[in-house]
Each structure stands twice: as C-alpha cells, then as structure tokens.
Amino acid sequence: MYYDKFYPFYTTYADPMFIGGEKMQEKEFEMMKSYYPETARRIQDKVEEECQLLDYEGSRLYDEYPDKFMLHHLCRRIRKEVEPEMAAQEIPGGFLDDLIQVLLYQEISRRRCRRHRCRRYF
C-alpha cells in the first residue's frame, strides 16, 4: 500500500490538548491559590514542601489506598512546623488541624490526578 504523504507514527498518539490543558489547569490552580488568606497560603507552602519530599516513584502518596496513619503523621509534622507562626494569630487548635488536613489532602489528590494522567499516556 502506498501513501503519498508521509505520516509519522508518533503523531497518531499525540493529544495536542493534553499539554495545553495541563498548563491551563495549573495556571488556574495558581490563580485560585493567590486568593488564599495569608495564613492558608503559609500552610499551603509547607504542605507543598512536604509533598515535594514525598513525590518520588513508589511513594506512599501514590498507593491505591494511602495509609490513614501516614497522612495523620504528615499532618502532625506540618502542624509542628507551622504552629510557632500561627500562635500569635490565636487560631483554635481544631480549626488549624482541619485546615492542614484539607490542604494536604487536596494537594495529594491534585498530585495523584496529575500522575495518573501522565501515566495513562505511556
């Protein structure tokens, strides 16, 4: 069979909207993070630092069912780092714990979705 125009095999698998959509979604997330209050932004920075340390191949963050105790321990570690800064603001302990958990779980979920989308194409 003869094709008059050369059509490279790798273009059949390319999704041109994949990279653009990923960048647009990341830009949207950064914009929404800029609206966070200062306290939440500081906590989010610490959460991202901790998640970056755990972001490697075979990490427990990417288990099918993440260990609840590991997540609780991670929240406690973030709280110990953030607590001296938050002491002057008189944030109730329960609210601070809840805020850390929500931000941590949201960040883990975002990273898991991004990794899942990337793995699907390889």
PDB file of N, CA and C in Angstrom:
ATOM      1  N   MET A   1       0.845  -1.169   0.000  1.00  0.00           N
ATOM      2  CA  MET A   1       0.000   0.000   0.000  1.00  0.00           C
ATOM      3  C   MET A   1       0.895   1.237   0.000  1.00  0.00           C
ATOM      4  N   TYR A   2       0.570   2.187  -0.815  1.00  0.00           N
ATOM      5  CA  TYR A   2       1.399   3.375  -0.971  1.00  0.00           C
ATOM      6  C   TYR A   2       0.646   4.596  -0.439  1.00  0.00           C
ATOM      7  N   TYR A   3       1.336   5.361   0.422  1.00  0.00           N
ATOM      8  CA  TYR A   3       0.779   6.621   0.919  1.00  0.00           C
ATOM      9  C   TYR A   3       1.569   7.761   0.299  1.00  0.00           C
ATOM     10  N   ASP A   4       0.881   8.681  -0.302  1.00  0.00           N
ATOM     11  CA  ASP A   4       1.580   9.769  -0.967  1.00  0.00           C
ATOM     12  C   ASP A   4       2.143  10.806  -0.001  1.00  0.00           C
ATOM     13  N   LYS A   5       1.608  10.878   1.180  1.00  0.00           N
ATOM     14  CA  LYS A   5       2.140  11.812   2.186  1.00  0.00           C
ATOM     15  C   LYS A   5       2.662  11.019   3.371  1.00  0.00           C
ATOM     16  N   PHE A   6       3.819  11.425   3.831  1.00  0.00           N
ATOM     17  CA  PHE A   6       4.416  10.757   4.981  1.00  0.00           C
ATOM     18  C   PHE A   6       3.666  11.165   6.247  1.00  0.00           C
ATOM     19  N   TYR A   7       3.277  10.196   7.049  1.00  0.00           N
ATOM     20  CA  TYR A   7       2.569  10.453   8.299  1.00  0.00           C
ATOM     21  C   TYR A   7       3.313   9.735   9.423  1.00  0.00           C
ATOM     22  N   PRO A   8       4.064  10.470  10.249  1.00  0.00           N
ATOM     23  CA  PRO A   8       4.874   9.814  11.287  1.00  0.00           C
ATOM     24  C   PRO A   8       3.996   9.080  12.298  1.00  0.00           C
ATOM     25  N   PHE A   9       4.504   7.967  12.785  1.00  0.00           N
ATOM     26  CA  PHE A   9       3.720   7.132  13.700  1.00  0.00           C
ATOM     27  C   PHE A   9       3.427   7.815  15.019  1.00  0.00           C
ATOM     28  N   TYR A  10       4.333   8.681  15.503  1.00  0.00           N
ATOM     29  CA  TYR A  10       4.138   9.285  16.820  1.00  0.00           C
ATOM     30  C   TYR A  10       3.011  10.305  16.827  1.00  0.00           C
ATOM     31  N   THR A  11       2.615  10.826  15.711  1.00  0.00           N
ATOM     32  CA  THR A  11       1.510  11.790  15.707  1.00  0.00           C
ATOM     33  C   THR A  11       0.163  11.119  15.914  1.00  0.00           C
ATOM     34  N   THR A  12       0.101   9.831  15.702  1.00  0.00           N
ATOM     35  CA  THR A  12      -1.172   9.146  15.910  1.00  0.00           C
ATOM     36  C   THR A  12      -1.506   9.046  17.392  1.00  0.00           C
ATOM     37  N   TYR A  13      -0.497   9.131  18.248  1.00  0.00           N
ATOM     38  CA  TYR A  13      -0.710   9.016  19.681  1.00  0.00           C
ATOM     39  C   TYR A  13      -0.739  10.366  20.385  1.00  0.00           C
ATOM     40  N   ALA A  14      -0.414  11.403  19.694  1.00  0.00           N
ATOM     41  CA  ALA A  14      -0.313  12.716  20.329  1.00  0.00           C
ATOM     42  C   ALA A  14      -1.702  13.300  20.575  1.00  0.00           C
ATOM     43  N   ASP A  15      -1.840  13.903  21.704  1.00  0.00           N
ATOM     44  CA  ASP A  15      -3.063  14.632  22.041  1.00  0.00           C
ATOM     45  C   ASP A  15      -2.661  16.093  22.195  1.00  0.00           C
ATOM     46  N   PRO A  16      -2.918  16.926  21.222  1.00  0.00           N
ATOM     47  CA  PRO A  16      -2.429  18.302  21.290  1.00  0.00           C
ATOM     48  C   PRO A  16      -3.021  19.101  22.443  1.00  0.00           C
ATOM     49  N   MET A  17      -4.184  18.716  22.941  1.00  0.00           N
ATOM     50  CA  MET A  17      -4.802  19.460  24.036  1.00  0.00           C
ATOM     51  C   MET A  17      -4.300  19.013  25.403  1.00  0.00           C
ATOM     52  N   PHE A  18      -3.563  17.901  25.448  1.00  0.00           N
ATOM     53  CA  PHE A  18      -3.121  17.384  26.737  1.00  0.00           C
ATOM     54  C   PHE A  18      -2.207  18.371  27.447  1.00  0.00           C
ATOM     55  N   ILE A  19      -1.152  18.814  26.776  1.00  0.00           N
ATOM     56  CA  ILE A  19      -0.191  19.705  27.418  1.00  0.00           C
ATOM     57  C   ILE A  19      -0.809  21.068  27.647  1.00  0.00           C
ATOM     58  N   GLY A  20      -1.550  21.572  26.683  1.00  0.00           N
ATOM     59  CA  GLY A  20      -2.203  22.867  26.859  1.00  0.00           C
ATOM     60  C   GLY A  20      -3.221  22.836  27.981  1.00  0.00           C
ATOM     61  N   GLY A  21      -3.975  21.751  28.078  1.00  0.00           N
ATOM     62  CA  GLY A  21      -4.961  21.623  29.150  1.00  0.00           C
ATOM     63  C   GLY A  21      -4.319  21.521  30.514  1.00  0.00           C
ATOM     64  N   GLU A  22      -3.195  20.795  30.584  1.00  0.00           N
ATOM     65  CA  GLU A  22      -2.466  20.660  31.850  1.00  0.00           C
ATOM     66  C   GLU A  22      -1.922  22.013  32.302  1.00  0.00           C
ATOM     67  N   LYS A  23      -1.367  22.765  31.374  1.00  0.00           N
ATOM     68  CA  LYS A  23      -0.831  24.086  31.723  1.00  0.00           C
ATOM     69  C   LYS A  23      -1.947  25.037  32.134  1.00  0.00           C
ATOM     70  N   MET A  24      -3.068  24.972  31.427  1.00  0.00           N
ATOM     71  CA  MET A  24      -4.188  25.842  31.761  1.00  0.00           C
ATOM     72  C   MET A  24      -4.741  25.503  33.145  1.00  0.00           C
ATOM     73  N   GLN A  25      -4.829  24.222  33.455  1.00  0.00           N
ATOM     74  CA  GLN A  25      -5.326  23.800  34.761  1.00  0.00           C
ATOM     75  C   GLN A  25      -4.368  24.236  35.870  1.00  0.00           C
ATOM     76  N   GLU A  26      -3.075  24.115  35.631  1.00  0.00           N
ATOM     77  CA  GLU A  26      -2.079  24.534  36.630  1.00  0.00           C
ATOM     78  C   GLU A  26      -2.123  26.048  36.830  1.00  0.00           C
ATOM     79  N   LYS A  27      -2.290  26.788  35.750  1.00  0.00           N
ATOM     80  CA  LYS A  27      -2.401  28.248  35.850  1.00  0.00           C
ATOM     81  C   LYS A  27      -3.641  28.645  36.647  1.00  0.00           C
ATOM     82  N   GLU A  28      -4.732  27.961  36.408  1.00  0.00           N
ATOM     83  CA  GLU A  28      -5.981  28.215  37.141  1.00  0.00           C
ATOM     84  C   GLU A  28      -5.794  27.932  38.633  1.00  0.00           C
ATOM     85  N   PHE A  29      -5.119  26.837  38.943  1.00  0.00           N
ATOM     86  CA  PHE A  29      -4.884  26.489  40.341  1.00  0.00           C
ATOM     87  C   PHE A  29      -4.013  27.550  41.021  1.00  0.00           C
ATOM     88  N   GLU A  30      -2.969  28.014  40.334  1.00  0.00           N
ATOM     89  CA  GLU A  30      -2.103  29.050  40.908  1.00  0.00           C
ATOM     90  C   GLU A  30      -2.869  30.354  41.132  1.00  0.00           C
ATOM     91  N   MET A  31      -3.764  30.685  40.214  1.00  0.00           N
ATOM     92  CA  MET A  31      -4.564  31.893  40.380  1.00  0.00           C
ATOM     93  C   MET A  31      -5.465  31.778  41.615  1.00  0.00           C
ATOM     94  N   MET A  32      -6.116  30.626  41.761  1.00  0.00           N
ATOM     95  CA  MET A  32      -7.000  30.451  42.917  1.00  0.00           C
ATOM     96  C   MET A  32      -6.216  30.433  44.224  1.00  0.00           C
ATOM     97  N   LYS A  33      -4.988  29.879  44.200  1.00  0.00           N
ATOM     98  CA  LYS A  33      -4.148  29.901  45.402  1.00  0.00           C
ATOM     99  C   LYS A  33      -3.759  31.323  45.785  1.00  0.00           C
ATOM    100  N   SER A  34      -3.660  32.199  44.818  1.00  0.00           N
ATOM    101  CA  SER A  34      -3.297  33.585  45.124  1.00  0.00           C
ATOM    102  C   SER A  34      -4.400  34.293  45.906  1.00  0.00           C
ATOM    103  N   TYR A  35      -5.613  33.755  45.875  1.00  0.00           N
ATOM    104  CA  TYR A  35      -6.726  34.342  46.622  1.00  0.00           C
ATOM    105  C   TYR A  35      -6.788  33.840  48.067  1.00  0.00           C
ATOM    106  N   TYR A  36      -5.970  32.853  48.408  1.00  0.00           N
ATOM    107  CA  TYR A  36      -5.975  32.330  49.779  1.00  0.00           C
ATOM    108  C   TYR A  36      -5.606  33.425  50.765  1.00  0.00           C
ATOM    109  N   PRO A  37      -6.153  33.373  51.982  1.00  0.00           N
ATOM    110  CA  PRO A  37      -5.680  34.273  53.031  1.00  0.00           C
ATOM    111  C   PRO A  37      -4.221  33.962  53.372  1.00  0.00           C
ATOM    112  N   GLU A  38      -3.551  34.897  53.994  1.00  0.00           N
ATOM    113  CA  GLU A  38      -2.117  34.743  54.293  1.00  0.00           C
ATOM    114  C   GLU A  38      -1.835  33.496  55.123  1.00  0.00           C
ATOM    115  N   THR A  39      -2.664  33.209  56.101  1.00  0.00           N
ATOM    116  CA  THR A  39      -2.467  32.030  56.945  1.00  0.00           C
ATOM    117  C   THR A  39      -2.547  30.748  56.117  1.00  0.00           C
ATOM    118  N   ALA A  40      -3.565  30.650  55.305  1.00  0.00           N
ATOM    119  CA  ALA A  40      -3.722  29.460  54.474  1.00  0.00           C
ATOM    120  C   ALA A  40      -2.594  29.349  53.462  1.00  0.00           C
ATOM    121  N   ARG A  41      -2.098  30.475  52.956  1.00  0.00           N
ATOM    122  CA  ARG A  41      -1.000  30.450  51.990  1.00  0.00           C
ATOM    123  C   ARG A  41       0.279  29.921  52.638  1.00  0.00           C
ATOM    124  N   ARG A  42       0.542  30.324  53.860  1.00  0.00           N
ATOM    125  CA  ARG A  42       1.738  29.806  54.567  1.00  0.00           C
ATOM    126  C   ARG A  42       1.635  28.306  54.793  1.00  0.00           C
ATOM    127  N   ILE A  43       0.458  27.868  55.204  1.00  0.00           N
ATOM    128  CA  ILE A  43       0.257  26.438  55.432  1.00  0.00           C
ATOM    129  C   ILE A  43       0.375  25.685  54.106  1.00  0.00           C
ATOM    130  N   GLN A  44      -0.189  26.241  53.046  1.00  0.00           N
ATOM    131  CA  GLN A  44      -0.112  25.597  51.735  1.00  0.00           C
ATOM    132  C   GLN A  44       1.338  25.464  51.276  1.00  0.00           C
ATOM    133  N   ASP A  45       2.150  26.459  51.544  1.00  0.00           N
ATOM    134  CA  ASP A  45       3.569  26.372  51.186  1.00  0.00           C
ATOM    135  C   ASP A  45       4.253  25.218  51.908  1.00  0.00           C
ATOM    136  N   LYS A  46       3.963  25.068  53.203  1.00  0.00           N
ATOM    137  CA  LYS A  46       4.548  23.955  53.967  1.00  0.00           C
ATOM    138  C   LYS A  46       4.037  22.610  53.463  1.00  0.00           C
ATOM    139  N   VAL A  47       2.762  22.566  53.124  1.00  0.00           N
ATOM    140  CA  VAL A  47       2.170  21.333  52.597  1.00  0.00           C
ATOM    141  C   VAL A  47       2.851  20.951  51.289  1.00  0.00           C
ATOM    142  N   GLU A  48       3.060  21.916  50.415  1.00  0.00           N
ATOM    143  CA  GLU A  48       3.719  21.640  49.144  1.00  0.00           C
ATOM    144  C   GLU A  48       5.165  21.177  49.351  1.00  0.00           C
ATOM    145  N   GLU A  49       5.857  21.758  50.323  1.00  0.00           N
ATOM    146  CA  GLU A  49       7.229  21.322  50.620  1.00  0.00           C
ATOM    147  C   GLU A  49       7.247  19.858  51.062  1.00  0.00           C
ATOM    148  N   GLU A  50       6.339  19.497  51.958  1.00  0.00           N
ATOM    149  CA  GLU A  50       6.292  18.122  52.446  1.00  0.00           C
ATOM    150  C   GLU A  50       5.905  17.145  51.331  1.00  0.00           C
ATOM    151  N   CYS A  51       4.952  17.542  50.507  1.00  0.00           N
ATOM    152  CA  CYS A  51       4.546  16.670  49.401  1.00  0.00           C
ATOM    153  C   CYS A  51       5.664  16.526  48.378  1.00  0.00           C
ATOM    154  N   GLN A  52       6.442  17.588  48.190  1.00  0.00           N
ATOM    155  CA  GLN A  52       7.557  17.517  47.246  1.00  0.00           C
ATOM    156  C   GLN A  52       8.609  16.525  47.737  1.00  0.00           C
ATOM    157  N   LEU A  53       8.808  16.461  49.050  1.00  0.00           N
ATOM    158  CA  LEU A  53       9.748  15.486  49.602  1.00  0.00           C
ATOM    159  C   LEU A  53       9.273  14.051  49.388  1.00  0.00           C
ATOM    160  N   LEU A  54       7.968  13.858  49.372  1.00  0.00           N
ATOM    161  CA  LEU A  54       7.403  12.520  49.207  1.00  0.00           C
ATOM    162  C   LEU A  54       7.019  12.205  47.761  1.00  0.00           C
ATOM    163  N   ASP A  55       7.342  13.080  46.843  1.00  0.00           N
ATOM    164  CA  ASP A  55       6.957  12.893  45.438  1.00  0.00           C
ATOM    165  C   ASP A  55       8.079  12.186  44.680  1.00  0.00           C
ATOM    166  N   TYR A  56       8.069  10.871  44.720  1.00  0.00           N
ATOM    167  CA  TYR A  56       9.045  10.060  44.001  1.00  0.00           C
ATOM    168  C   TYR A  56       8.369   8.766  43.577  1.00  0.00           C
ATOM    169  N   GLU A  57       9.015   8.047  42.691  1.00  0.00           N
ATOM    170  CA  GLU A  57       8.464   6.796  42.182  1.00  0.00           C
ATOM    171  C   GLU A  57       8.342   5.794  43.324  1.00  0.00           C
ATOM    172  N   GLY A  58       7.171   5.217  43.498  1.00  0.00           N
ATOM    173  CA  GLY A  58       6.937   4.243  44.561  1.00  0.00           C
ATOM    174  C   GLY A  58       6.577   4.872  45.902  1.00  0.00           C
ATOM    175  N   SER A  59       6.296   6.160  45.913  1.00  0.00           N
ATOM    176  CA  SER A  59       5.958   6.852  47.157  1.00  0.00           C
ATOM    177  C   SER A  59       4.637   6.340  47.718  1.00  0.00           C
ATOM    178  N   ARG A  60       4.506   6.468  49.024  1.00  0.00           N
ATOM    179  CA  ARG A  60       3.270   6.049  49.683  1.00  0.00           C
ATOM    180  C   ARG A  60       2.096   6.955  49.328  1.00  0.00           C
ATOM    181  N   LEU A  61       2.393   8.146  48.809  1.00  0.00           N
ATOM    182  CA  LEU A  61       1.307   9.045  48.397  1.00  0.00           C
ATOM    183  C   LEU A  61       0.513   8.464  47.234  1.00  0.00           C
ATOM    184  N   TYR A  62       1.174   7.639  46.435  1.00  0.00           N
ATOM    185  CA  TYR A  62       0.542   7.127  45.226  1.00  0.00           C
ATOM    186  C   TYR A  62       0.036   5.704  45.378  1.00  0.00           C
ATOM    187  N   ASP A  63      -0.011   5.211  46.605  1.00  0.00           N
ATOM    188  CA  ASP A  63      -0.634   3.901  46.830  1.00  0.00           C
ATOM    189  C   ASP A  63      -2.102   3.977  46.444  1.00  0.00           C
ATOM    190  N   GLU A  64      -2.664   2.837  46.094  1.00  0.00           N
ATOM    191  CA  GLU A  64      -4.080   2.832  45.714  1.00  0.00           C
ATOM    192  C   GLU A  64      -4.946   3.332  46.874  1.00  0.00           C
ATOM    193  N   TYR A  65      -4.623   2.872  48.080  1.00  0.00           N
ATOM    194  CA  TYR A  65      -5.310   3.329  49.286  1.00  0.00           C
ATOM    195  C   TYR A  65      -4.250   3.857  50.247  1.00  0.00           C
ATOM    196  N   PRO A  66      -4.016   5.182  50.273  1.00  0.00           N
ATOM    197  CA  PRO A  66      -2.992   5.726  51.170  1.00  0.00           C
ATOM    198  C   PRO A  66      -3.306   5.407  52.634  1.00  0.00           C
ATOM    199  N   ASP A  67      -2.258   5.185  53.384  1.00  0.00           N
ATOM    200  CA  ASP A  67      -2.379   4.838  54.793  1.00  0.00           C
ATOM    201  C   ASP A  67      -2.858   6.054  55.591  1.00  0.00           C
ATOM    202  N   LYS A  68      -3.940   5.887  56.316  1.00  0.00           N
ATOM    203  CA  LYS A  68      -4.520   6.993  57.083  1.00  0.00           C
ATOM    204  C   LYS A  68      -3.584   7.447  58.204  1.00  0.00           C
ATOM    205  N   PHE A  69      -2.874   6.508  58.814  1.00  0.00           N
ATOM    206  CA  PHE A  69      -1.933   6.867  59.874  1.00  0.00           C
ATOM    207  C   PHE A  69      -0.779   7.690  59.308  1.00  0.00           C
ATOM    208  N   MET A  70      -0.292   7.333  58.126  1.00  0.00           N
ATOM    209  CA  MET A  70       0.787   8.085  57.494  1.00  0.00           C
ATOM    210  C   MET A  70       0.331   9.514  57.200  1.00  0.00           C
ATOM    211  N   LEU A  71      -0.886   9.665  56.716  1.00  0.00           N
ATOM    212  CA  LEU A  71      -1.412  11.001  56.433  1.00  0.00           C
ATOM    213  C   LEU A  71      -1.586  11.810  57.718  1.00  0.00           C
ATOM    214  N   HIS A  72      -2.052  11.149  58.767  1.00  0.00           N
ATOM    215  CA  HIS A  72      -2.207  11.827  60.061  1.00  0.00           C
ATOM    216  C   HIS A  72      -0.840  12.266  60.595  1.00  0.00           C
ATOM    217  N   HIS A  73       0.155  11.409  60.468  1.00  0.00           N
ATOM    218  CA  HIS A  73       1.512  11.745  60.922  1.00  0.00           C
ATOM    219  C   HIS A  73       2.068  12.922  60.121  1.00  0.00           C
ATOM    220  N   LEU A  74       1.808  12.940  58.833  1.00  0.00           N
ATOM    221  CA  LEU A  74       2.253  14.037  57.983  1.00  0.00           C
ATOM    222  C   LEU A  74       1.586  15.344  58.394  1.00  0.00           C
ATOM    223  N   CYS A  75       0.299  15.289  58.728  1.00  0.00           N
ATOM    224  CA  CYS A  75      -0.412  16.488  59.208  1.00  0.00           C
ATOM    225  C   CYS A  75       0.196  16.991  60.511  1.00  0.00           C
ATOM    226  N   ARG A  76       0.528  16.078  61.414  1.00  0.00           N
ATOM    227  CA  ARG A  76       1.140  16.486  62.690  1.00  0.00           C
ATOM    228  C   ARG A  76       2.501  17.130  62.464  1.00  0.00           C
ATOM    229  N   ARG A  77       3.278  16.603  61.514  1.00  0.00           N
ATOM    230  CA  ARG A  77       4.596  17.170  61.225  1.00  0.00           C
ATOM    231  C   ARG A  77       4.453  18.581  60.648  1.00  0.00           C
ATOM    232  N   ILE A  78       3.482  18.776  59.780  1.00  0.00           N
ATOM    233  CA  ILE A  78       3.245  20.111  59.220  1.00  0.00           C
ATOM    234  C   ILE A  78       2.787  21.064  60.311  1.00  0.00           C
ATOM    235  N   ARG A  79       1.939  20.574  61.213  1.00  0.00           N
ATOM    236  CA  ARG A  79       1.451  21.424  62.313  1.00  0.00           C
ATOM    237  C   ARG A  79       2.601  21.891  63.201  1.00  0.00           C
ATOM    238  N   LYS A  80       3.552  20.997  63.496  1.00  0.00           N
ATOM    239  CA  LYS A  80       4.698  21.383  64.326  1.00  0.00           C
ATOM    240  C   LYS A  80       5.528  22.474  63.661  1.00  0.00           C
ATOM    241  N   GLU A  81       5.638  22.435  62.343  1.00  0.00           N
ATOM    242  CA  GLU A  81       6.396  23.463  61.636  1.00  0.00           C
ATOM    243  C   GLU A  81       5.652  24.790  61.581  1.00  0.00           C
ATOM    244  N   VAL A  82       4.334  24.731  61.467  1.00  0.00           N
ATOM    245  CA  VAL A  82       3.525  25.931  61.261  1.00  0.00           C
ATOM    246  C   VAL A  82       3.094  26.569  62.575  1.00  0.00           C
ATOM    247  N   GLU A  83       3.002  25.787  63.634  1.00  0.00           N
ATOM    248  CA  GLU A  83       2.430  26.247  64.903  1.00  0.00           C
ATOM    249  C   GLU A  83       3.093  27.496  65.482  1.00  0.00           C
ATOM    250  N   PRO A  84       4.435  27.608  65.482  1.00  0.00           N
ATOM    251  CA  PRO A  84       5.012  28.845  66.040  1.00  0.00           C
ATOM    252  C   PRO A  84       4.562  30.114  65.305  1.00  0.00           C
ATOM    253  N   GLU A  85       4.393  30.024  63.999  1.00  0.00           N
ATOM    254  CA  GLU A  85       3.942  31.188  63.231  1.00  0.00           C
ATOM    255  C   GLU A  85       2.484  31.515  63.528  1.00  0.00           C
ATOM    256  N   MET A  86       1.678  30.488  63.791  1.00  0.00           N
ATOM    257  CA  MET A  86       0.247  30.684  63.968  1.00  0.00           C
ATOM    258  C   MET A  86      -0.139  31.001  65.415  1.00  0.00           C
ATOM    259  N   ALA A  87       0.795  30.882  66.340  1.00  0.00           N
ATOM    260  CA  ALA A  87       0.476  31.108  67.758  1.00  0.00           C
ATOM    261  C   ALA A  87       0.018  32.542  68.005  1.00  0.00           C
ATOM    262  N   ALA A  88       0.600  33.499  67.312  1.00  0.00           N
ATOM    263  CA  ALA A  88       0.236  34.902  67.505  1.00  0.00           C
ATOM    264  C   ALA A  88      -1.157  35.209  66.952  1.00  0.00           C
ATOM    265  N   GLN A  89      -1.651  34.412  66.050  1.00  0.00           N
ATOM    266  CA  GLN A  89      -2.953  34.682  65.438  1.00  0.00           C
ATOM    267  C   GLN A  89      -4.116  34.074  66.209  1.00  0.00           C
ATOM    268  N   GLU A  90      -3.827  33.313  67.226  1.00  0.00           N
ATOM    269  CA  GLU A  90      -4.842  32.717  68.095  1.00  0.00           C
ATOM    270  C   GLU A  90      -5.863  31.898  67.312  1.00  0.00           C
ATOM    271  N   ILE A  91      -5.374  31.019  66.473  1.00  0.00           N
ATOM    272  CA  ILE A  91      -6.248  30.120  65.728  1.00  0.00           C
ATOM    273  C   ILE A  91      -6.536  28.917  66.611  1.00  0.00           C
ATOM    274  N   PRO A  92      -7.791  28.556  66.797  1.00  0.00           N
ATOM    275  CA  PRO A  92      -8.097  27.381  67.608  1.00  0.00           C
ATOM    276  C   PRO A  92      -7.427  26.138  67.021  1.00  0.00           C
ATOM    277  N   GLY A  93      -6.948  25.274  67.919  1.00  0.00           N
ATOM    278  CA  GLY A  93      -6.205  24.087  67.504  1.00  0.00           C
ATOM    279  C   GLY A  93      -6.970  23.182  66.564  1.00  0.00           C
ATOM    280  N   GLY A  94      -8.245  22.962  66.842  1.00  0.00           N
ATOM    281  CA  GLY A  94      -9.052  22.091  65.991  1.00  0.00           C
ATOM    282  C   GLY A  94      -9.203  22.639  64.582  1.00  0.00           C
ATOM    283  N   PHE A  95      -9.370  23.956  64.475  1.00  0.00           N
ATOM    284  CA  PHE A  95      -9.516  24.564  63.154  1.00  0.00           C
ATOM    285  C   PHE A  95      -8.222  24.481  62.368  1.00  0.00           C
ATOM    286  N   LEU A  96      -7.095  24.696  63.043  1.00  0.00           N
ATOM    287  CA  LEU A  96      -5.799  24.613  62.371  1.00  0.00           C
ATOM    288  C   LEU A  96      -5.545  23.199  61.859  1.00  0.00           C
ATOM    289  N   ASP A  97      -5.865  22.198  62.677  1.00  0.00           N
ATOM    290  CA  ASP A  97      -5.707  20.811  62.247  1.00  0.00           C
ATOM    291  C   ASP A  97      -6.577  20.503  61.030  1.00  0.00           C
ATOM    292  N   ASP A  98      -7.825  20.977  61.067  1.00  0.00           N
ATOM    293  CA  ASP A  98      -8.732  20.737  59.949  1.00  0.00           C
ATOM    294  C   ASP A  98      -8.230  21.415  58.674  1.00  0.00           C
ATOM    295  N   LEU A  99      -7.744  22.634  58.817  1.00  0.00           N
ATOM    296  CA  LEU A  99      -7.237  23.365  57.652  1.00  0.00           C
ATOM    297  C   LEU A  99      -6.024  22.659  57.050  1.00  0.00           C
ATOM    298  N   ILE A 100      -5.123  22.189  57.892  1.00  0.00           N
ATOM    299  CA  ILE A 100      -3.941  21.467  57.408  1.00  0.00           C
ATOM    300  C   ILE A 100      -4.361  20.189  56.695  1.00  0.00           C
ATOM    301  N   GLN A 101      -5.310  19.457  57.276  1.00  0.00           N
ATOM    302  CA  GLN A 101      -5.762  18.216  56.645  1.00  0.00           C
ATOM    303  C   GLN A 101      -6.392  18.481  55.278  1.00  0.00           C
ATOM    304  N   VAL A 102      -7.246  19.479  55.204  1.00  0.00           N
ATOM    305  CA  VAL A 102      -7.918  19.780  53.939  1.00  0.00           C
ATOM    306  C   VAL A 102      -6.894  20.176  52.874  1.00  0.00           C
ATOM    307  N   LEU A 103      -5.965  21.051  53.221  1.00  0.00           N
ATOM    308  CA  LEU A 103      -4.962  21.483  52.247  1.00  0.00           C
ATOM    309  C   LEU A 103      -4.042  20.337  51.837  1.00  0.00           C
ATOM    310  N   LEU A 104      -3.677  19.476  52.786  1.00  0.00           N
ATOM    311  CA  LEU A 104      -2.814  18.341  52.477  1.00  0.00           C
ATOM    312  C   LEU A 104      -3.525  17.348  51.569  1.00  0.00           C
ATOM    313  N   TYR A 105      -4.741  16.995  51.898  1.00  0.00           N
ATOM    314  CA  TYR A 105      -5.470  16.014  51.097  1.00  0.00           C
ATOM    315  C   TYR A 105      -5.763  16.548  49.695  1.00  0.00           C
ATOM    316  N   GLN A 106      -6.030  17.838  49.595  1.00  0.00           N
ATOM    317  CA  GLN A 106      -6.272  18.437  48.295  1.00  0.00           C
ATOM    318  C   GLN A 106      -4.997  18.413  47.452  1.00  0.00           C
ATOM    319  N   GLU A 107      -3.858  18.712  48.055  1.00  0.00           N
ATOM    320  CA  GLU A 107      -2.582  18.697  47.330  1.00  0.00           C
ATOM    321  C   GLU A 107      -2.217  17.277  46.892  1.00  0.00           C
ATOM    322  N   ILE A 108      -2.423  16.318  47.757  1.00  0.00           N
ATOM    323  CA  ILE A 108      -2.140  14.921  47.399  1.00  0.00           C
ATOM    324  C   ILE A 108      -3.055  14.481  46.264  1.00  0.00           C
ATOM    325  N   SER A 109      -4.316  14.850  46.349  1.00  0.00           N
ATOM    326  CA  SER A 109      -5.269  14.487  45.300  1.00  0.00           C
ATOM    327  C   SER A 109      -4.866  15.096  43.964  1.00  0.00           C
ATOM    328  N   ARG A 110      -4.434  16.335  43.980  1.00  0.00           N
ATOM    329  CA  ARG A 110      -4.005  17.008  42.754  1.00  0.00           C
ATOM    330  C   ARG A 110      -2.787  16.312  42.152  1.00  0.00           C
ATOM    331  N   ARG A 111      -1.835  15.947  42.996  1.00  0.00           N
ATOM    332  CA  ARG A 111      -0.631  15.260  42.504  1.00  0.00           C
ATOM    333  C   ARG A 111      -0.956  13.866  41.983  1.00  0.00           C
ATOM    334  N   ARG A 112      -1.862  13.181  42.657  1.00  0.00           N
ATOM    335  CA  ARG A 112      -2.242  11.832  42.205  1.00  0.00           C
ATOM    336  C   ARG A 112      -2.944  11.897  40.851  1.00  0.00           C
ATOM    337  N   CYS A 113      -3.821  12.870  40.673  1.00  0.00           N
ATOM    338  CA  CYS A 113      -4.519  13.015  39.391  1.00  0.00           C
ATOM    339  C   CYS A 113      -3.537  13.357  38.284  1.00  0.00           C
ATOM    340  N   ARG A 114      -2.607  14.250  38.567  1.00  0.00           N
ATOM    341  CA  ARG A 114      -1.625  14.630  37.557  1.00  0.00           C
ATOM    342  C   ARG A 114      -0.755  13.435  37.177  1.00  0.00           C
ATOM    343  N   ARG A 115      -0.333  12.662  38.150  1.00  0.00           N
ATOM    344  CA  ARG A 115       0.498  11.492  37.864  1.00  0.00           C
ATOM    345  C   ARG A 115      -0.312  10.440  37.104  1.00  0.00           C
ATOM    346  N   HIS A 116      -1.566  10.268  37.483  1.00  0.00           N
ATOM    347  CA  HIS A 116      -2.409   9.285  36.796  1.00  0.00           C
ATOM    348  C   HIS A 116      -2.612   9.654  35.333  1.00  0.00           C
ATOM    349  N   ARG A 117      -2.835  10.946  35.062  1.00  0.00           N
ATOM    350  CA  ARG A 117      -2.998  11.390  33.685  1.00  0.00           C
ATOM    351  C   ARG A 117      -1.715  11.182  32.893  1.00  0.00           C
ATOM    352  N   CYS A 118      -0.583  11.443  33.500  1.00  0.00           N
ATOM    353  CA  CYS A 118       0.694  11.278  32.797  1.00  0.00           C
ATOM    354  C   CYS A 118       0.975   9.805  32.544  1.00  0.00           C
ATOM    355  N   ARG A 119       0.685   8.944  33.485  1.00  0.00           N
ATOM    356  CA  ARG A 119       0.957   7.508  33.336  1.00  0.00           C
ATOM    357  C   ARG A 119       0.070   6.863  32.281  1.00  0.00           C
ATOM    358  N   ARG A 120      -1.102   7.417  32.077  1.00  0.00           N
ATOM    359  CA  ARG A 120      -2.049   6.834  31.145  1.00  0.00           C
ATOM    360  C   ARG A 120      -1.529   6.885  29.707  1.00  0.00           C
ATOM    361  N   TYR A 121      -0.684   7.861  29.397  1.00  0.00           N
ATOM    362  CA  TYR A 121      -0.221   8.030  28.026  1.00  0.00           C
ATOM    363  C   TYR A 121       1.089   7.308  27.732  1.00  0.00           C
ATOM    364  N   PHE A 122       1.674   6.644  28.709  1.00  0.00           N
ATOM    365  CA  PHE A 122       2.939   5.938  28.466  1.00  0.00           C
ATOM    366  C   PHE A 122       2.762   4.465  28.501  1.00  0.00           C
TER     367      PHE A 122
END
